[in-house]
Amino acid sequence: MKQSRWMSLVESIANVVVGYGVAVVTQMLVFPLFGLHASLNQNLLIGLVFTGVSLVRSFFLRRVFETLRLRQAVSSSSMAACTTNPVR
């Protein structure tokens, strides 16, 4: 069964919100281990920056893989045409 566009949007939003929360909590736990001390506001801002970078990366990779999928589909359909309609 195919996912609706609405549910894809809901999933994407949930992924970003959860990812942001995980990033901020991880920073608050890991930064002090490296001698970095950031306030809550700084951690929230750093989390936003990394979330933005993650969104751009995710979008870019999704477009690359969609392009590869389309090329493969075109290539597969061309190969199918060659095998079903051989040139004599």
N, C-alpha and C. Protein backbone atom coordinates (compact mmCIF):
# COMPACT_ATOMS: atom_id res chain seq x y z
N MET A 1 0.84 -1.18 0.00
CA MET A 1 0.00 0.00 0.00
C MET A 1 0.89 1.24 0.00
N LYS A 2 0.53 2.21 -0.81
CA LYS A 2 1.30 3.44 -0.96
C LYS A 2 0.91 4.45 0.12
N GLN A 3 1.91 5.20 0.61
CA GLN A 3 1.65 6.21 1.64
C GLN A 3 1.09 7.48 0.98
N SER A 4 0.08 8.07 1.59
CA SER A 4 -0.50 9.30 1.05
C SER A 4 0.47 10.46 1.24
N ARG A 5 0.29 11.50 0.45
CA ARG A 5 1.14 12.69 0.59
C ARG A 5 0.99 13.31 1.97
N TRP A 6 -0.22 13.32 2.49
CA TRP A 6 -0.47 13.88 3.82
C TRP A 6 0.33 13.13 4.88
N MET A 7 0.30 11.79 4.83
CA MET A 7 1.04 11.01 5.82
C MET A 7 2.55 11.15 5.60
N SER A 8 2.99 11.34 4.37
CA SER A 8 4.40 11.60 4.12
C SER A 8 4.82 12.90 4.78
N LEU A 9 3.96 13.92 4.70
CA LEU A 9 4.25 15.21 5.34
C LEU A 9 4.29 15.05 6.86
N VAL A 10 3.30 14.34 7.42
CA VAL A 10 3.26 14.12 8.87
C VAL A 10 4.51 13.37 9.32
N GLU A 11 4.91 12.35 8.57
CA GLU A 11 6.11 11.59 8.91
C GLU A 11 7.36 12.48 8.86
N SER A 12 7.46 13.31 7.84
CA SER A 12 8.62 14.20 7.70
C SER A 12 8.70 15.19 8.85
N ILE A 13 7.57 15.77 9.22
CA ILE A 13 7.54 16.72 10.33
C ILE A 13 7.92 16.03 11.64
N ALA A 14 7.37 14.84 11.88
CA ALA A 14 7.69 14.09 13.09
C ALA A 14 9.18 13.76 13.12
N ASN A 15 9.74 13.38 11.98
CA ASN A 15 11.16 13.05 11.90
C ASN A 15 12.02 14.26 12.26
N VAL A 16 11.66 15.44 11.76
CA VAL A 16 12.43 16.65 12.04
C VAL A 16 12.31 17.03 13.51
N VAL A 17 11.12 16.98 14.06
CA VAL A 17 10.91 17.36 15.47
C VAL A 17 11.67 16.41 16.40
N VAL A 18 11.54 15.12 16.17
CA VAL A 18 12.25 14.14 17.00
C VAL A 18 13.76 14.29 16.82
N GLY A 19 14.21 14.47 15.58
CA GLY A 19 15.64 14.65 15.32
C GLY A 19 16.20 15.87 16.02
N TYR A 20 15.45 16.95 16.02
CA TYR A 20 15.88 18.18 16.70
C TYR A 20 16.02 17.92 18.21
N GLY A 21 15.03 17.28 18.80
CA GLY A 21 15.08 16.97 20.23
C GLY A 21 16.26 16.07 20.57
N VAL A 22 16.48 15.05 19.76
CA VAL A 22 17.61 14.14 19.99
C VAL A 22 18.93 14.90 19.87
N ALA A 23 19.03 15.78 18.87
CA ALA A 23 20.26 16.56 18.68
C ALA A 23 20.56 17.43 19.90
N VAL A 24 19.56 18.13 20.38
CA VAL A 24 19.77 19.04 21.53
C VAL A 24 20.17 18.25 22.77
N VAL A 25 19.47 17.17 23.06
CA VAL A 25 19.80 16.36 24.24
C VAL A 25 21.20 15.77 24.10
N THR A 26 21.53 15.28 22.90
CA THR A 26 22.86 14.71 22.67
C THR A 26 23.95 15.76 22.89
N GLN A 27 23.73 16.96 22.37
CA GLN A 27 24.70 18.04 22.56
C GLN A 27 24.89 18.33 24.05
N MET A 28 23.79 18.40 24.78
CA MET A 28 23.87 18.72 26.21
C MET A 28 24.63 17.65 26.98
N LEU A 29 24.58 16.41 26.50
CA LEU A 29 25.30 15.32 27.17
C LEU A 29 26.74 15.19 26.70
N VAL A 30 26.97 15.43 25.42
CA VAL A 30 28.29 15.17 24.84
C VAL A 30 29.23 16.37 24.92
N PHE A 31 28.74 17.57 24.69
CA PHE A 31 29.60 18.75 24.70
C PHE A 31 30.46 18.85 25.97
N PRO A 32 29.89 18.67 27.16
CA PRO A 32 30.73 18.77 28.37
C PRO A 32 31.86 17.74 28.43
N LEU A 33 31.66 16.59 27.79
CA LEU A 33 32.72 15.58 27.77
C LEU A 33 33.95 16.07 27.01
N PHE A 34 33.75 17.06 26.15
CA PHE A 34 34.86 17.63 25.37
C PHE A 34 35.24 19.03 25.87
N GLY A 35 34.74 19.37 27.05
CA GLY A 35 35.08 20.67 27.64
C GLY A 35 34.32 21.83 27.03
N LEU A 36 33.25 21.54 26.31
CA LEU A 36 32.44 22.60 25.72
C LEU A 36 31.21 22.82 26.59
N HIS A 37 30.98 24.05 26.95
CA HIS A 37 29.85 24.36 27.81
C HIS A 37 28.98 25.40 27.11
N ALA A 38 27.77 24.99 26.76
CA ALA A 38 26.83 25.87 26.07
C ALA A 38 25.57 26.02 26.91
N SER A 39 24.98 27.19 26.85
CA SER A 39 23.72 27.41 27.57
C SER A 39 22.60 26.69 26.83
N LEU A 40 21.45 26.60 27.46
CA LEU A 40 20.30 25.96 26.82
C LEU A 40 19.97 26.67 25.51
N ASN A 41 19.96 28.01 25.53
CA ASN A 41 19.66 28.76 24.31
C ASN A 41 20.68 28.48 23.21
N GLN A 42 21.95 28.38 23.57
CA GLN A 42 22.98 28.06 22.58
C GLN A 42 22.79 26.65 22.03
N ASN A 43 22.45 25.71 22.90
CA ASN A 43 22.19 24.34 22.44
C ASN A 43 20.99 24.30 21.50
N LEU A 44 19.95 25.05 21.82
CA LEU A 44 18.77 25.08 20.95
C LEU A 44 19.11 25.66 19.58
N LEU A 45 19.92 26.73 19.56
CA LEU A 45 20.31 27.35 18.29
C LEU A 45 21.22 26.42 17.48
N ILE A 46 22.18 25.80 18.14
CA ILE A 46 23.07 24.85 17.45
C ILE A 46 22.24 23.70 16.87
N GLY A 47 21.27 23.22 17.64
CA GLY A 47 20.39 22.16 17.16
C GLY A 47 19.61 22.57 15.92
N LEU A 48 19.15 23.84 15.90
CA LEU A 48 18.44 24.35 14.72
C LEU A 48 19.34 24.39 13.50
N VAL A 49 20.58 24.82 13.69
CA VAL A 49 21.52 24.86 12.57
C VAL A 49 21.75 23.46 12.00
N PHE A 50 22.02 22.51 12.88
CA PHE A 50 22.26 21.15 12.41
C PHE A 50 20.99 20.53 11.80
N THR A 51 19.84 20.88 12.31
CA THR A 51 18.59 20.39 11.74
C THR A 51 18.40 20.94 10.34
N GLY A 52 18.70 22.22 10.14
CA GLY A 52 18.61 22.82 8.81
C GLY A 52 19.56 22.15 7.82
N VAL A 53 20.78 21.91 8.26
CA VAL A 53 21.76 21.21 7.40
C VAL A 53 21.25 19.81 7.07
N SER A 54 20.68 19.13 8.04
CA SER A 54 20.16 17.79 7.84
C SER A 54 19.01 17.79 6.83
N LEU A 55 18.13 18.78 6.92
CA LEU A 55 17.02 18.87 5.96
C LEU A 55 17.52 19.06 4.53
N VAL A 56 18.49 19.95 4.37
CA VAL A 56 19.06 20.18 3.04
C VAL A 56 19.73 18.91 2.52
N ARG A 57 20.51 18.25 3.37
CA ARG A 57 21.17 17.00 2.97
C ARG A 57 20.16 15.94 2.58
N SER A 58 19.13 15.79 3.38
CA SER A 58 18.10 14.78 3.12
C SER A 58 17.38 15.06 1.80
N PHE A 59 17.03 16.33 1.57
CA PHE A 59 16.36 16.70 0.33
C PHE A 59 17.25 16.41 -0.88
N PHE A 60 18.53 16.80 -0.79
CA PHE A 60 19.46 16.59 -1.88
C PHE A 60 19.61 15.10 -2.20
N LEU A 61 19.81 14.29 -1.17
CA LEU A 61 19.96 12.85 -1.40
C LEU A 61 18.69 12.23 -1.96
N ARG A 62 17.54 12.69 -1.49
CA ARG A 62 16.27 12.16 -2.01
C ARG A 62 16.14 12.46 -3.50
N ARG A 63 16.53 13.67 -3.91
CA ARG A 63 16.46 14.05 -5.32
C ARG A 63 17.45 13.24 -6.15
N VAL A 64 18.66 12.99 -5.61
CA VAL A 64 19.66 12.18 -6.32
C VAL A 64 19.13 10.78 -6.54
N PHE A 65 18.59 10.17 -5.49
CA PHE A 65 18.08 8.81 -5.62
C PHE A 65 16.85 8.74 -6.51
N GLU A 66 16.02 9.77 -6.52
CA GLU A 66 14.87 9.80 -7.42
C GLU A 66 15.35 9.87 -8.87
N THR A 67 16.38 10.67 -9.12
CA THR A 67 16.94 10.75 -10.46
C THR A 67 17.51 9.40 -10.89
N LEU A 68 18.22 8.74 -9.99
CA LEU A 68 18.76 7.41 -10.30
C LEU A 68 17.63 6.41 -10.56
N ARG A 69 16.56 6.50 -9.77
CA ARG A 69 15.42 5.59 -9.96
C ARG A 69 14.78 5.80 -11.32
N LEU A 70 14.61 7.07 -11.70
CA LEU A 70 14.00 7.37 -13.00
C LEU A 70 14.89 6.90 -14.15
N ARG A 71 16.20 7.10 -14.02
CA ARG A 71 17.12 6.62 -15.06
C ARG A 71 17.05 5.11 -15.19
N GLN A 72 16.98 4.43 -14.06
CA GLN A 72 16.90 2.97 -14.08
C GLN A 72 15.59 2.52 -14.72
N ALA A 73 14.51 3.23 -14.41
CA ALA A 73 13.21 2.87 -14.99
C ALA A 73 13.23 3.05 -16.51
N VAL A 74 13.82 4.14 -16.98
CA VAL A 74 13.92 4.38 -18.42
C VAL A 74 14.80 3.32 -19.06
N SER A 75 15.92 3.01 -18.42
CA SER A 75 16.83 2.00 -18.94
C SER A 75 16.16 0.63 -18.99
N SER A 76 15.43 0.29 -17.94
CA SER A 76 14.74 -1.00 -17.88
C SER A 76 13.66 -1.09 -18.95
N SER A 77 12.92 0.00 -19.17
CA SER A 77 11.87 -0.04 -20.18
C SER A 77 12.47 -0.11 -21.58
N SER A 78 13.63 0.51 -21.78
CA SER A 78 14.31 0.42 -23.08
C SER A 78 14.78 -1.00 -23.33
N MET A 79 15.32 -1.63 -22.30
CA MET A 79 15.79 -3.01 -22.43
C MET A 79 14.61 -3.94 -22.68
N ALA A 80 13.50 -3.70 -22.03
CA ALA A 80 12.32 -4.54 -22.23
C ALA A 80 11.81 -4.41 -23.66
N ALA A 81 11.85 -3.19 -24.20
CA ALA A 81 11.40 -2.98 -25.58
C ALA A 81 12.31 -3.71 -26.56
N CYS A 82 13.60 -3.74 -26.27
CA CYS A 82 14.55 -4.43 -27.14
C CYS A 82 14.34 -5.93 -27.13
N THR A 83 13.98 -6.49 -25.99
CA THR A 83 13.82 -7.95 -25.91
C THR A 83 12.46 -8.40 -26.42
N THR A 84 11.46 -7.53 -26.36
CA THR A 84 10.13 -7.95 -26.82
C THR A 84 9.92 -7.63 -28.30
N ASN A 85 10.69 -6.69 -28.83
CA ASN A 85 10.58 -6.32 -30.24
C ASN A 85 11.96 -6.37 -30.89
N PRO A 86 12.50 -7.55 -31.10
CA PRO A 86 13.86 -7.63 -31.65
C PRO A 86 13.90 -7.07 -33.06
N VAL A 87 15.00 -6.43 -33.36
CA VAL A 87 15.22 -5.88 -34.71
C VAL A 87 15.70 -7.00 -35.59
N ARG A 88 15.11 -7.10 -36.80
CA ARG A 88 15.51 -8.17 -37.72
C ARG A 88 16.22 -7.62 -38.89
